[in-house]
């Protein structure tokens, strides 16, 4: 299908994790707490129900990167 056809059907371009989260919310009647309490572990979307990928490794931060993030946060706090 073309993007124009998908848009005409009411679909919007959003990330996969947002789409999974939206599906889980629909499954739980729009209740975010119920999504968090979901016990349907056999569901293939269950690990992603909170809108994150638990299998993605967190990057290791170098001391230089940490210092840059700290400086950026300090700048935002001043603003």
Protein backbone atom coordinates (compact mmCIF):
# COMPACT_ATOMS: atom_id res chain seq x y z
CA UNK A 1 0.00 0.00 0.00
CA UNK A 2 1.03 3.55 -0.59
CA UNK A 3 1.44 6.02 2.26
CA UNK A 4 -1.41 8.11 0.87
CA UNK A 5 -3.71 5.07 1.04
CA UNK A 6 -2.74 4.34 4.64
CA UNK A 7 -3.31 7.98 5.57
CA UNK A 8 -6.71 7.93 3.87
CA UNK A 9 -7.63 4.93 6.04
CA UNK A 10 -6.84 6.99 9.16
CA UNK A 11 -3.44 5.54 9.96
CA UNK A 12 -0.63 7.82 11.04
CA UNK A 13 3.11 7.44 10.88
CA UNK A 14 4.36 6.59 14.36
CA UNK A 15 7.13 4.45 15.72
CA UNK A 16 6.74 0.75 16.29
CA UNK A 17 6.92 1.01 20.08
CA UNK A 18 4.22 3.69 20.08
CA UNK A 19 2.05 1.45 17.91
CA UNK A 20 2.56 -1.47 20.31
CA UNK A 21 1.77 0.78 23.28
CA UNK A 22 -1.41 1.98 21.56
CA UNK A 23 -2.44 -1.63 20.91
CA UNK A 24 -1.85 -2.55 24.55
CA UNK A 25 -3.88 0.45 25.72
CA UNK A 26 -6.71 -0.59 23.42
CA UNK A 27 -6.55 -4.15 24.73
CA UNK A 28 -6.79 -2.83 28.31
CA UNK A 29 -9.71 -0.46 27.56
CA UNK A 30 -7.47 2.62 27.62
CA UNK A 31 -6.18 2.05 31.16
CA UNK A 32 -2.42 2.62 31.49
CA UNK A 33 -2.29 1.01 34.97
CA UNK A 34 -3.91 -2.11 33.53
CA UNK A 35 -1.25 -2.24 30.79
CA UNK A 36 1.43 -2.19 33.50
CA UNK A 37 -0.38 -4.99 35.39
CA UNK A 38 -0.96 -7.13 32.28
CA UNK A 39 -0.28 -10.80 32.92
CA UNK A 40 -0.68 -12.08 29.35
CA UNK A 41 2.98 -13.06 29.10
CA UNK A 42 2.25 -15.32 26.11
CA UNK A 43 1.36 -12.23 24.05
CA UNK A 44 4.22 -11.45 21.63
CA UNK A 45 3.84 -7.74 22.43
CA UNK A 46 3.98 -8.18 26.22
CA UNK A 47 7.68 -7.22 26.68
CA UNK A 48 7.06 -3.99 24.76
CA UNK A 49 3.76 -3.00 26.43
CA UNK A 50 5.27 -0.06 28.28
CA UNK A 51 6.53 1.53 25.08
CA UNK A 52 10.15 0.50 25.53
CA UNK A 53 12.37 -2.26 24.17
CA UNK A 54 13.71 -4.22 27.16
CA UNK A 55 16.13 -6.11 24.92
CA UNK A 56 17.95 -2.97 23.80
CA UNK A 57 21.30 -2.60 25.52
CA UNK A 58 21.95 0.68 27.24
CA UNK A 59 25.03 2.44 25.90
CA UNK A 60 28.02 2.74 28.18
CA UNK A 61 28.73 6.39 28.90
CA UNK A 62 32.30 7.62 28.87
CA UNK A 63 33.38 10.15 31.50
CA UNK A 64 33.53 12.81 28.76
CA UNK A 65 29.98 12.05 27.67
CA UNK A 66 28.75 12.18 31.28
CA UNK A 67 30.41 15.57 31.74
CA UNK A 68 28.78 16.88 28.56
CA UNK A 69 25.36 15.66 29.70
CA UNK A 70 25.86 17.24 33.11
CA UNK A 71 26.81 20.57 31.54
CA UNK A 72 23.79 20.43 29.22
CA UNK A 73 21.46 19.70 32.14
CA UNK A 74 22.96 22.55 34.16
CA UNK A 75 22.35 24.91 31.21
CA UNK A 76 18.72 23.85 31.01
CA UNK A 77 18.21 24.35 34.72
CA UNK A 78 19.51 27.92 34.43
CA UNK A 79 17.13 28.68 31.56
